Amino acid sequence: MGSWNFADVWEVIARNHPDRPAIIQGDDVVSWRTFDERANGLAHWMLEQGVTHQDRVAQYLFNGSAYLESMFAMFKAGLVPVNTNYRYVGDELVHLWNDSGAVGVIYDATFDEIVDAVRDSVPSVKWWLRVPDEYATVAGPTFDDQTQSTESISAEAPWGRSGDDIYMLYTGGTTGSPKGVLWRQDDWFGALNNTSLRPFGEAADLDIVATQTQTRGPIVLPACPLMHGTGAGSAMSALSIGGTVVLLPPGRFDARALLDAVDASAVASLVLIGDAQTRPLLAAIDEDPDRWNLTSLRVIVSSGATLSNDVKARLHALSPSLIIIDALGSSEALGAASSVSRSAGDGETGRFHLGPNTRLLTDDGRDVTPGSSEVGRLAVGGRIPLGYHNDPEKTASTFITVDGQRFAVAGDYATLSAEGTIEFLGRGSGTINTGGEKVYPDEVETALKAHPDIVDAAVVGVPDERFGQVVTGVVQLAVGAVLDEDSIRDSCRESIAGYKIPRLLFAVESLDRAPNGKLDYTRLGALAKELAQP
């Protein structure tokens, strides 16, 4: 029984359909021939640097063709890409790259200054490859130099490649500090392909790939970053069935740029992050309703954050044939559950149908009784990861065996109705989901307490119409101190990424920790919500 490797699949498509567009970003169109050749050039260069089988290489990149080309190159050479959140600052980067053991870093020139600041703190990194931009001064080897190689021979290392090669996906913090989730490529490919428009089957068969991709695959636009599992997974899935990936310009999310791209490239499938991205999109359409032709849109997928009912209704008003999918899953467990809406009022927010390999288990390992008040954890079987990199304890607690079958249990809680639908309750860890970004409270509390005026701090999520939740700090100040929000946020920027910094800050006399030192997050969350009311 063969096993799936992304490089093998993408090479078949490039060989059979070289002139078909693989990546579109603005006016730049990368054909499958160019996609393959640039990946070959980079793979050959990395092999010349002395990499060994399954060495890790960090991608510190905005959305762009370089992200997918470097990923393709690593798969060709039997290397492991390490996704890196481009919002991270010094200490966060050092932790991630040291934890992964990265031997190389491919980075956008925008990050020159921060890369220079952390180089000496990451001893495992032997080489740095820079993706230049039109404003940057080129110094040292650049990405473009290597990918413009005329080498057309497929790059394959002496050790070959297989479905056992690893795809490492670092979490956004839902498991505490970011951890590398270790997927066999065969399992990651299979988990993605099983839900695609063109399922290839369980056993790797490149003849089936050739047959199934004779006609062009879907044109997909992931509006979320490729550094996250949702963005990367949707792009990899589209490419693997012979499709085209459309990317937005780097920088802040721009609803008008997204609509321009959908119109210009006749995008069929759009991947968004809940209301945080969809509400601005609808507002732009309301302001200029005749500007864009959106008739090509067939599917909108929301992952990382759900869409509210009123937003779904407004999307359906754009096109009666539009299918809206709320996908529930995680880096550890794809396809946990979904909610499909084909018309206004169809598919209630927060209610999902379990995936084909998903069970809802009580803490003692029983299946939740439908229609009961029992709360269970979503447990996903089938194609799941091997575990976490460098964390056997967390691996043992997350990947469990029930009735002789292995499941991934990421900590998502739900109840089960008599009709078989689940009501999603959230992640039990208290992780905050703000616009699709996962924020771990303990890390932000540590940053807050580094400020000299703060004695104690708690971080909770307060509901927000656009972002789902906003990071909120409830702090106890030193005697005589006053709440200086600008100073506190500036202090936080020294240690954590901008999206983790509290948007709301409130001072209280005391956080009233319990005798064992623990905080009552339920009470503090309710207090923060009350204080946030206008």
Protein backbone atom coordinates (compact mmCIF):
# COMPACT_ATOMS: atom_id res chain seq x y z
CA MET A 1 0.00 0.00 0.00
CA GLY A 2 1.58 3.26 -1.15
CA SER A 3 1.69 6.42 0.93
CA TRP A 4 1.11 10.02 -0.07
CA ASN A 5 3.88 12.60 -0.37
CA PHE A 6 3.02 16.11 -1.51
CA ALA A 7 6.08 16.52 -3.71
CA ASP A 8 5.20 13.40 -5.70
CA VAL A 9 1.64 14.62 -6.29
CA TRP A 10 2.57 18.19 -7.20
CA GLU A 11 5.25 17.01 -9.62
CA VAL A 12 2.67 14.95 -11.52
CA ILE A 13 0.45 18.00 -11.93
CA ALA A 14 3.37 20.22 -12.97
CA ARG A 15 4.50 17.67 -15.55
CA ASN A 16 1.05 17.18 -17.05
CA HIS A 17 -0.23 20.77 -16.90
CA PRO A 18 2.82 23.07 -16.95
CA ASP A 19 0.98 26.14 -18.23
CA ARG A 20 -1.89 25.96 -15.77
CA PRO A 21 -1.70 28.70 -13.07
CA ALA A 22 -0.67 27.37 -9.66
CA ILE A 23 -0.43 30.64 -7.69
CA ILE A 24 -1.89 34.09 -8.35
CA GLN A 25 -1.10 37.17 -6.27
CA GLY A 26 -2.19 40.44 -7.81
CA ASP A 27 -0.65 40.69 -11.28
CA ASP A 28 1.86 37.90 -10.59
CA VAL A 29 0.86 34.52 -11.99
CA VAL A 30 3.07 31.50 -11.25
CA SER A 31 2.47 28.60 -13.61
CA TRP A 32 2.82 25.00 -12.49
CA ARG A 33 6.01 24.77 -14.59
CA THR A 34 7.52 27.77 -12.81
CA PHE A 35 6.28 26.55 -9.42
CA ASP A 36 8.06 23.25 -9.95
CA GLU A 37 11.25 24.72 -11.41
CA ARG A 38 11.67 27.32 -8.67
CA ALA A 39 11.12 24.65 -6.02
CA ASN A 40 13.71 22.46 -7.75
CA GLY A 41 16.26 25.27 -7.73
CA LEU A 42 15.74 25.95 -4.04
CA ALA A 43 15.79 22.25 -3.12
CA HIS A 44 19.12 21.77 -4.90
CA TRP A 45 20.54 24.81 -3.07
CA MET A 46 19.42 23.53 0.35
CA LEU A 47 20.96 20.13 -0.34
CA GLU A 48 24.22 21.90 -1.20
CA GLN A 49 24.13 23.50 2.28
CA GLY A 50 24.54 20.04 3.81
CA VAL A 51 21.02 19.43 5.12
CA THR A 52 20.21 15.90 6.20
CA HIS A 53 17.03 13.84 6.08
CA GLN A 54 14.11 15.52 7.91
CA ASP A 55 16.09 18.59 8.96
CA ARG A 56 13.74 21.42 9.92
CA VAL A 57 13.65 24.72 8.04
CA ALA A 58 11.67 27.70 9.34
CA GLN A 59 9.41 29.77 7.11
CA TYR A 60 9.25 33.31 8.49
CA LEU A 61 7.18 34.66 5.61
CA PHE A 62 4.09 36.61 4.68
CA ASN A 63 1.61 35.08 2.26
CA GLY A 64 3.25 34.86 -1.14
CA SER A 65 4.52 32.46 -3.77
CA ALA A 66 7.79 32.11 -1.83
CA TYR A 67 5.88 30.43 1.01
CA LEU A 68 4.46 27.68 -1.19
CA GLU A 69 7.60 27.37 -3.35
CA SER A 70 9.81 26.86 -0.31
CA MET A 71 7.36 24.32 1.10
CA PHE A 72 7.41 22.41 -2.21
CA ALA A 73 11.22 22.54 -2.21
CA MET A 74 11.41 21.08 1.30
CA PHE A 75 9.06 18.25 0.43
CA LYS A 76 11.18 17.47 -2.64
CA ALA A 77 14.35 17.30 -0.52
CA GLY A 78 12.84 15.35 2.39
CA LEU A 79 12.96 18.33 4.78
CA VAL A 80 10.42 19.58 7.31
CA PRO A 81 8.92 23.09 7.06
CA VAL A 82 8.45 24.96 10.35
CA ASN A 83 5.61 27.47 10.13
CA THR A 84 6.49 30.69 11.95
CA ASN A 85 3.97 33.30 13.00
CA TYR A 86 5.16 36.51 11.35
CA ARG A 87 3.76 38.50 14.27
CA TYR A 88 6.21 36.95 16.72
CA VAL A 89 8.94 39.07 18.23
CA GLY A 90 12.43 38.16 19.48
CA ASP A 91 11.88 35.82 22.42
CA GLU A 92 8.99 34.06 20.70
CA LEU A 93 11.08 33.40 17.59
CA VAL A 94 14.01 32.15 19.64
CA HIS A 95 11.75 29.72 21.52
CA LEU A 96 10.14 28.41 18.34
CA TRP A 97 13.31 27.94 16.32
CA ASN A 98 15.26 26.43 19.21
CA ASP A 99 12.39 24.11 20.08
CA SER A 100 12.13 22.91 16.48
CA GLY A 101 15.89 22.64 16.02
CA ALA A 102 15.69 24.58 12.76
CA VAL A 103 18.87 24.37 10.64
CA GLY A 104 17.79 27.12 8.27
CA VAL A 105 15.45 30.09 8.12
CA ILE A 106 13.79 31.49 5.01
CA TYR A 107 12.54 34.98 5.81
CA ASP A 108 11.05 38.09 4.26
CA ALA A 109 13.35 41.10 3.99
CA THR A 110 10.84 43.03 6.10
CA PHE A 111 12.18 41.10 9.08
CA ASP A 112 15.86 42.00 8.55
CA GLU A 113 16.19 43.88 11.82
CA ILE A 114 14.57 41.29 14.05
CA VAL A 115 16.41 38.42 12.35
CA ASP A 116 19.73 40.17 12.94
CA ALA A 117 18.79 40.58 16.61
CA VAL A 118 18.09 36.89 17.22
CA ARG A 119 20.73 35.15 15.06
CA ASP A 120 23.15 34.52 17.91
CA SER A 121 20.40 33.08 20.11
CA VAL A 122 19.53 30.28 17.67
CA PRO A 123 22.70 28.17 17.45
CA SER A 124 21.11 25.35 15.44
CA VAL A 125 20.49 27.63 12.43
CA LYS A 126 23.34 27.21 9.95
CA TRP A 127 22.02 29.34 7.11
CA TRP A 128 19.59 32.20 6.51
CA LEU A 129 17.91 32.78 3.15
CA ARG A 130 16.34 36.13 2.52
CA VAL A 131 13.33 36.86 0.31
CA PRO A 132 14.07 40.41 -0.93
CA ASP A 133 11.55 43.11 -1.66
CA GLU A 134 11.79 46.10 -3.93
CA TYR A 135 12.68 48.44 -1.07
CA ALA A 136 15.33 46.30 0.63
CA THR A 137 19.07 46.27 0.08
CA VAL A 138 20.14 42.78 -0.91
CA ALA A 139 22.88 41.32 1.27
CA GLY A 140 24.01 37.71 1.11
CA PRO A 141 22.21 34.83 -0.58
CA THR A 142 18.62 35.53 -1.57
CA PHE A 143 15.66 33.33 -2.26
CA ASP A 144 15.32 34.61 -5.82
CA ASP A 145 18.95 33.76 -6.62
CA GLN A 146 18.38 30.13 -5.76
CA THR A 147 14.92 29.64 -7.25
CA GLN A 148 15.97 31.14 -10.59
CA SER A 149 18.32 28.21 -11.11
CA THR A 150 18.02 26.69 -14.56
CA GLU A 151 18.13 23.25 -12.96
CA SER A 152 15.05 21.46 -14.27
CA ILE A 153 15.87 18.00 -12.94
CA SER A 154 13.57 17.06 -10.09
CA ALA A 155 15.34 17.52 -6.79
CA GLU A 156 15.34 14.36 -4.72
CA ALA A 157 17.80 13.72 -1.91
CA PRO A 158 19.81 10.50 -1.61
CA TRP A 159 17.46 9.37 1.17
CA GLY A 160 14.41 9.74 -1.08
CA ARG A 161 10.98 10.73 0.14
CA SER A 162 7.92 8.95 1.44
CA GLY A 163 4.61 9.35 3.21
CA ASP A 164 6.48 8.96 6.50
CA ASP A 165 8.17 12.33 5.94
CA ILE A 166 6.91 14.83 8.52
CA TYR A 167 4.80 17.91 8.10
CA MET A 168 5.25 19.92 11.31
CA LEU A 169 2.51 22.36 12.21
CA TYR A 170 3.18 24.61 15.18
CA THR A 171 0.05 25.45 17.10
CA GLY A 172 -1.00 29.00 17.83
CA GLY A 173 -0.93 28.44 21.56
CA THR A 174 -4.09 26.46 22.29
CA THR A 175 -1.94 23.88 24.05
CA GLY A 176 0.08 26.42 26.04
CA SER A 177 3.31 27.60 24.48
CA PRO A 178 3.33 26.80 20.75
CA LYS A 179 4.05 23.12 20.11
CA GLY A 180 4.95 21.36 16.90
CA VAL A 181 2.25 18.91 15.87
CA LEU A 182 3.88 16.04 13.99
CA TRP A 183 1.90 14.82 11.01
CA ARG A 184 3.06 12.11 8.63
CA GLN A 185 2.62 13.60 5.16
CA ASP A 186 0.52 10.56 4.23
CA ASP A 187 -1.91 11.31 7.08
CA TRP A 188 -2.02 15.08 6.52
CA PHE A 189 -2.58 14.56 2.79
CA GLY A 190 -5.25 11.94 3.44
CA ALA A 191 -7.07 14.05 6.04
CA LEU A 192 -7.21 16.98 3.62
CA ASN A 193 -8.05 14.96 0.53
CA ASN A 194 -10.83 12.97 2.17
CA THR A 195 -12.93 16.14 2.37
CA SER A 196 -11.87 17.61 -0.98
CA LEU A 197 -13.88 17.81 -4.21
CA ARG A 198 -11.72 15.06 -5.74
CA PRO A 199 -10.91 12.33 -3.22
CA PHE A 200 -8.12 10.09 -4.49
CA GLY A 201 -8.54 7.20 -2.08
CA GLU A 202 -6.51 5.94 0.86
CA ALA A 203 -3.57 4.34 -0.98
CA ALA A 204 -1.22 6.62 -2.91
CA ASP A 205 -1.74 6.18 -6.65
CA LEU A 206 -0.17 8.78 -8.93
CA ASP A 207 -2.10 7.43 -11.93
CA ILE A 208 -5.30 8.40 -10.14
CA VAL A 209 -3.84 11.87 -9.52
CA ALA A 210 -3.07 12.22 -13.23
CA THR A 211 -6.58 11.15 -14.18
CA GLN A 212 -8.40 13.22 -11.56
CA THR A 213 -6.48 16.40 -12.42
CA GLN A 214 -7.02 16.35 -16.18
CA THR A 215 -9.52 19.14 -15.65
CA ARG A 216 -8.45 22.18 -13.69
CA GLY A 217 -9.14 22.10 -9.98
CA PRO A 218 -10.88 24.86 -8.01
CA ILE A 219 -9.60 28.41 -7.67
CA VAL A 220 -9.23 28.89 -3.91
CA LEU A 221 -8.43 32.03 -1.93
CA PRO A 222 -7.30 31.50 1.67
CA ALA A 223 -7.81 34.91 3.27
CA CYS A 224 -6.00 33.69 6.38
CA PRO A 225 -2.21 33.47 6.71
CA LEU A 226 -0.39 30.46 5.27
CA MET A 227 1.55 30.32 8.55
CA HIS A 228 -1.62 28.91 10.17
CA GLY A 229 -2.97 25.43 9.61
CA THR A 230 -6.20 26.70 8.03
CA GLY A 231 -4.39 28.77 5.41
CA ALA A 232 -1.71 26.18 4.67
CA GLY A 233 -4.17 23.29 4.63
CA SER A 234 -6.60 24.97 2.23
CA ALA A 235 -3.76 25.94 -0.13
CA MET A 236 -2.15 22.49 -0.02
CA SER A 237 -5.50 20.82 -0.60
CA ALA A 238 -6.29 23.00 -3.62
CA LEU A 239 -2.89 22.42 -5.19
CA SER A 240 -3.13 18.68 -4.65
CA ILE A 241 -6.23 18.41 -6.84
CA GLY A 242 -4.77 20.54 -9.61
CA GLY A 243 -6.26 23.83 -8.49
CA THR A 244 -5.01 27.38 -8.20
CA VAL A 245 -4.26 29.30 -5.02
CA VAL A 246 -5.03 33.04 -5.03
CA LEU A 247 -3.22 35.07 -2.37
CA LEU A 248 -3.92 38.55 -1.02
CA PRO A 249 -1.19 41.20 -0.78
CA PRO A 250 0.88 41.04 2.43
CA GLY A 251 -0.18 43.24 5.31
CA ARG A 252 -3.38 43.88 7.19
CA PHE A 253 -6.56 42.23 6.01
CA ASP A 254 -8.20 44.39 3.35
CA ALA A 255 -11.77 43.44 2.47
CA ARG A 256 -11.72 45.45 -0.75
CA ALA A 257 -8.51 43.78 -1.90
CA LEU A 258 -10.13 40.41 -1.21
CA LEU A 259 -13.19 41.29 -3.26
CA ASP A 260 -10.97 42.60 -6.06
CA ALA A 261 -9.11 39.27 -6.09
CA VAL A 262 -12.32 37.21 -6.12
CA ASP A 263 -13.59 39.25 -9.07
CA ALA A 264 -10.32 39.30 -11.04
CA SER A 265 -9.49 35.61 -10.66
CA ALA A 266 -13.03 34.17 -10.61
CA VAL A 267 -12.43 32.59 -7.21
CA ALA A 268 -14.74 29.64 -6.52
CA SER A 269 -13.85 28.87 -2.90
CA LEU A 270 -13.09 31.42 -0.21
CA VAL A 271 -11.58 30.52 3.18
CA LEU A 272 -12.23 33.09 5.92
CA ILE A 273 -11.84 33.43 9.68
CA GLY A 274 -15.34 33.93 11.02
CA ASP A 275 -17.02 37.28 11.50
CA ALA A 276 -13.67 39.04 11.97
CA GLN A 277 -13.03 38.92 8.22
CA THR A 278 -16.57 38.51 6.91
CA ARG A 279 -18.20 41.57 8.48
CA PRO A 280 -15.71 44.00 6.84
CA LEU A 281 -16.27 42.17 3.54
CA LEU A 282 -20.04 42.68 3.78
CA ALA A 283 -19.57 46.31 4.81
CA ALA A 284 -17.45 46.93 1.71
CA ILE A 285 -20.14 45.39 -0.50
CA ASP A 286 -22.81 47.55 1.17
CA GLU A 287 -20.74 50.67 0.47
CA ASP A 288 -20.15 49.80 -3.19
CA PRO A 289 -22.66 47.11 -4.22
CA ASP A 290 -22.07 47.30 -7.99
CA ARG A 291 -18.28 47.24 -7.96
CA TRP A 292 -17.60 43.49 -7.84
CA ASN A 293 -18.78 40.47 -9.80
CA LEU A 294 -18.93 37.64 -7.26
CA THR A 295 -20.91 35.12 -9.30
CA SER A 296 -17.92 32.73 -9.42
CA LEU A 297 -18.16 32.09 -5.66
CA ARG A 298 -19.55 28.66 -4.87
CA VAL A 299 -18.24 27.88 -1.37
CA ILE A 300 -17.24 29.95 1.66
CA VAL A 301 -15.47 28.08 4.44
CA SER A 302 -14.98 29.57 7.88
CA SER A 303 -12.38 27.92 10.09
CA GLY A 304 -10.76 29.11 13.28
CA ALA A 305 -13.86 31.10 14.25
CA THR A 306 -17.54 30.58 13.48
CA LEU A 307 -19.89 32.74 11.45
CA SER A 308 -22.92 34.22 13.20
CA ASN A 309 -26.41 33.58 11.84
CA ASP A 310 -26.99 37.12 10.61
CA VAL A 311 -23.69 37.09 8.70
CA LYS A 312 -24.62 33.77 7.03
CA ALA A 313 -27.97 35.22 5.99
CA ARG A 314 -26.30 38.26 4.42
CA LEU A 315 -23.84 36.02 2.55
CA HIS A 316 -26.67 33.90 1.16
CA ALA A 317 -28.32 37.08 -0.07
CA LEU A 318 -25.31 37.58 -2.35
CA SER A 319 -25.94 34.29 -4.17
CA PRO A 320 -28.72 31.72 -3.69
CA SER A 321 -26.36 28.91 -4.77
CA LEU A 322 -23.66 29.71 -2.20
CA ILE A 323 -22.68 26.96 0.25
CA ILE A 324 -21.32 28.11 3.62
CA ILE A 325 -19.32 25.71 5.76
CA ASP A 326 -18.33 26.30 9.37
CA ALA A 327 -15.46 23.87 9.97
CA LEU A 328 -14.53 22.84 13.50
CA GLY A 329 -11.12 21.35 14.08
CA SER A 330 -7.60 22.04 15.24
CA SER A 331 -3.97 21.48 14.32
CA GLU A 332 -4.22 18.12 16.05
CA ALA A 333 -7.65 17.06 14.78
CA LEU A 334 -8.90 17.90 11.29
CA GLY A 335 -12.55 17.44 10.43
CA ALA A 336 -13.86 17.21 13.98
CA ALA A 337 -17.26 18.62 13.02
CA SER A 338 -18.92 20.94 10.53
CA SER A 339 -22.04 22.96 9.89
CA VAL A 340 -23.23 23.34 6.29
CA SER A 341 -25.60 26.14 5.34
CA ARG A 342 -27.24 26.23 1.88
CA SER A 343 -29.79 28.97 2.52
CA ALA A 344 -30.60 31.72 5.01
CA GLY A 345 -31.63 30.23 8.36
CA ASP A 346 -30.02 26.88 7.54
CA GLY A 347 -27.25 25.86 9.95
CA GLU A 348 -27.44 27.49 13.37
CA THR A 349 -24.22 29.05 14.66
CA GLY A 350 -22.55 26.90 17.30
CA ARG A 351 -24.30 23.68 16.19
CA PHE A 352 -22.35 21.12 14.19
CA HIS A 353 -22.55 17.62 12.79
CA LEU A 354 -19.81 15.29 13.95
CA GLY A 355 -17.21 14.27 11.38
CA PRO A 356 -17.15 10.63 10.21
CA ASN A 357 -14.27 9.75 12.57
CA THR A 358 -15.39 11.87 15.54
CA ARG A 359 -16.86 10.80 18.86
CA LEU A 360 -17.97 12.91 21.80
CA LEU A 361 -16.43 11.35 24.90
CA THR A 362 -16.91 12.02 28.59
CA ASP A 363 -13.80 12.43 30.71
CA ASP A 364 -14.04 8.76 31.72
CA GLY A 365 -14.05 7.59 28.10
CA ARG A 366 -17.78 6.94 27.51
CA ASP A 367 -19.74 8.20 24.52
CA VAL A 368 -22.00 11.07 25.51
CA THR A 369 -25.65 10.06 25.54
CA PRO A 370 -27.62 11.95 22.87
CA GLY A 371 -30.14 14.37 24.36
CA SER A 372 -28.54 14.29 27.79
CA SER A 373 -26.97 17.21 29.62
CA GLU A 374 -23.57 15.49 29.59
CA VAL A 375 -20.59 17.52 28.39
CA GLY A 376 -17.99 15.69 26.36
CA ARG A 377 -14.73 16.26 24.54
CA LEU A 378 -14.46 15.94 20.78
CA ALA A 379 -12.26 12.95 19.94
CA VAL A 380 -11.11 12.57 16.34
CA GLY A 381 -9.90 9.22 15.03
CA GLY A 382 -8.73 8.08 11.62
CA ARG A 383 -5.83 10.07 10.20
CA ILE A 384 -4.33 11.99 13.12
CA PRO A 385 -0.82 13.18 14.08
CA LEU A 386 1.94 11.16 15.68
CA GLY A 387 2.04 13.60 18.59
CA TYR A 388 3.87 16.74 19.70
CA HIS A 389 7.51 17.47 19.03
CA ASN A 390 9.61 17.32 22.23
CA ASP A 391 6.59 16.84 24.51
CA PRO A 392 5.80 13.20 25.37
CA GLU A 393 3.65 14.20 28.36
CA LYS A 394 1.34 16.41 26.29
CA THR A 395 1.32 13.78 23.55
CA ALA A 396 0.12 11.14 26.02
CA SER A 397 -2.69 13.36 27.35
CA THR A 398 -3.92 14.55 23.94
CA PHE A 399 -3.63 11.36 21.89
CA ILE A 400 -5.52 8.65 23.73
CA THR A 401 -6.68 5.12 22.96
CA VAL A 402 -10.33 4.20 23.44
CA ASP A 403 -11.76 0.80 22.49
CA GLY A 404 -8.52 -0.06 20.78
CA GLN A 405 -8.57 3.04 18.53
CA ARG A 406 -6.32 6.07 18.78
CA PHE A 407 -7.96 9.50 19.02
CA ALA A 408 -6.82 13.13 19.14
CA VAL A 409 -8.54 15.02 21.97
CA ALA A 410 -7.57 18.68 21.77
CA GLY A 411 -9.88 19.82 24.58
CA ASP A 412 -12.92 21.09 22.65
CA TYR A 413 -16.09 20.59 24.71
CA ALA A 414 -19.64 20.12 23.46
CA THR A 415 -23.06 18.65 24.24
CA LEU A 416 -24.98 16.24 22.00
CA SER A 417 -28.62 16.74 21.04
CA ALA A 418 -31.13 13.92 20.58
CA GLU A 419 -30.97 14.63 16.82
CA GLY A 420 -27.22 14.01 16.78
CA THR A 421 -25.96 17.58 16.40
CA ILE A 422 -23.48 19.03 18.86
CA GLU A 423 -23.48 22.41 20.55
CA PHE A 424 -19.90 23.62 20.71
CA LEU A 425 -18.96 25.04 24.11
CA GLY A 426 -15.35 25.99 23.52
CA ARG A 427 -11.84 25.03 24.45
CA GLY A 428 -11.57 24.00 28.08
CA SER A 429 -8.14 25.54 28.51
CA GLY A 430 -9.48 29.10 28.55
CA THR A 431 -7.62 29.96 25.35
CA ILE A 432 -8.85 33.17 23.76
CA ASN A 433 -9.79 33.12 20.06
CA THR A 434 -9.50 36.63 18.65
CA GLY A 435 -10.10 36.88 14.92
CA GLY A 436 -8.85 33.33 14.43
CA GLU A 437 -5.64 33.91 16.42
CA LYS A 438 -5.28 31.78 19.53
CA VAL A 439 -3.98 33.56 22.63
CA TYR A 440 -2.86 31.75 25.76
CA PRO A 441 -3.69 33.86 28.86
CA ASP A 442 -0.70 32.85 30.97
CA GLU A 443 1.77 34.25 28.42
CA VAL A 444 -0.02 37.62 28.30
CA GLU A 445 -0.32 37.75 32.09
CA THR A 446 3.44 37.30 32.35
CA ALA A 447 3.98 40.19 29.95
CA LEU A 448 1.56 42.41 31.85
CA LYS A 449 3.19 41.69 35.19
CA ALA A 450 6.55 42.77 33.79
CA HIS A 451 5.28 46.36 33.95
CA PRO A 452 6.43 48.06 37.19
CA ASP A 453 2.95 49.40 37.99
CA ILE A 454 1.22 46.01 37.84
CA VAL A 455 1.13 43.77 40.89
CA ASP A 456 -1.08 41.02 39.50
CA ALA A 457 -2.92 40.33 36.25
CA ALA A 458 -5.55 38.08 34.72
CA VAL A 459 -6.30 37.81 31.00
CA VAL A 460 -9.70 36.77 29.66
CA GLY A 461 -11.65 37.01 26.42
CA VAL A 462 -14.55 39.44 26.16
CA PRO A 463 -17.14 38.76 23.42
CA ASP A 464 -16.80 40.97 20.36
CA GLU A 465 -19.04 41.15 17.29
CA ARG A 466 -16.21 41.29 14.79
CA PHE A 467 -13.34 39.36 16.37
CA GLY A 468 -15.32 36.80 18.35
CA GLN A 469 -13.33 37.71 21.46
CA VAL A 470 -10.93 40.51 22.36
CA VAL A 471 -8.00 40.02 24.69
CA THR A 472 -8.77 41.78 27.95
CA GLY A 473 -6.48 42.43 30.89
CA VAL A 474 -7.79 42.80 34.44
CA VAL A 475 -4.94 44.15 36.54
CA GLN A 476 -4.14 44.99 40.14
CA LEU A 477 -1.97 48.11 40.33
CA ALA A 478 0.73 49.02 42.79
CA VAL A 479 -0.24 51.42 45.55
CA GLY A 480 -0.43 54.95 44.18
CA ALA A 481 -0.19 53.89 40.54
CA VAL A 482 -2.70 54.90 37.87
CA LEU A 483 -3.74 52.88 34.84
CA ASP A 484 -1.51 54.03 31.96
CA GLU A 485 -2.76 51.90 29.06
CA ASP A 486 -0.23 53.17 26.49
CA SER A 487 2.69 52.46 28.81
CA ILE A 488 1.43 48.96 29.60
CA ARG A 489 0.91 48.06 25.94
CA ASP A 490 4.36 49.41 25.04
CA SER A 491 5.83 47.21 27.75
CA CYS A 492 4.00 44.16 26.41
CA ARG A 493 5.34 44.74 22.91
CA GLU A 494 8.81 43.94 24.19
CA SER A 495 7.92 40.29 24.77
CA ILE A 496 4.74 39.30 22.90
CA ALA A 497 3.21 39.75 19.47
CA GLY A 498 0.81 42.62 18.86
CA TYR A 499 -2.33 40.51 18.54
CA LYS A 500 -1.76 39.15 22.08
CA ILE A 501 -1.62 42.60 23.67
CA PRO A 502 -4.88 43.40 25.53
CA ARG A 503 -7.22 45.68 23.60
CA LEU A 504 -9.11 46.33 26.83
CA LEU A 505 -7.51 47.02 30.21
CA PHE A 506 -9.29 47.40 33.53
CA ALA A 507 -7.85 48.03 37.01
CA VAL A 508 -9.37 46.42 40.10
CA GLU A 509 -8.46 46.62 43.76
CA SER A 510 -7.64 42.91 43.94
CA LEU A 511 -7.94 39.80 41.75
CA ASP A 512 -8.88 37.79 44.85
CA ARG A 513 -6.78 34.74 44.19
CA ALA A 514 -7.80 31.57 46.04
CA PRO A 515 -5.60 30.30 48.88
CA ASN A 516 -3.94 27.89 46.44
CA GLY A 517 -2.99 30.85 44.23
CA LYS A 518 -5.47 30.12 41.43
CA LEU A 519 -7.63 32.70 39.69
CA ASP A 520 -11.37 32.38 39.21
CA TYR A 521 -11.45 32.99 35.45
CA THR A 522 -15.21 32.55 35.23
CA ARG A 523 -15.79 35.36 37.69
CA LEU A 524 -13.10 37.57 36.15
CA GLY A 525 -14.48 36.98 32.66
CA ALA A 526 -17.93 38.07 33.79
CA LEU A 527 -16.45 41.11 35.51
CA ALA A 528 -14.48 42.09 32.40
CA LYS A 529 -17.59 41.71 30.23
CA GLU A 530 -19.51 43.98 32.61
CA LEU A 531 -16.74 46.58 32.67
CA ALA A 532 -16.57 46.55 28.87
CA GLN A 533 -20.21 47.60 28.53
CA PRO A 534 -20.54 51.18 27.23
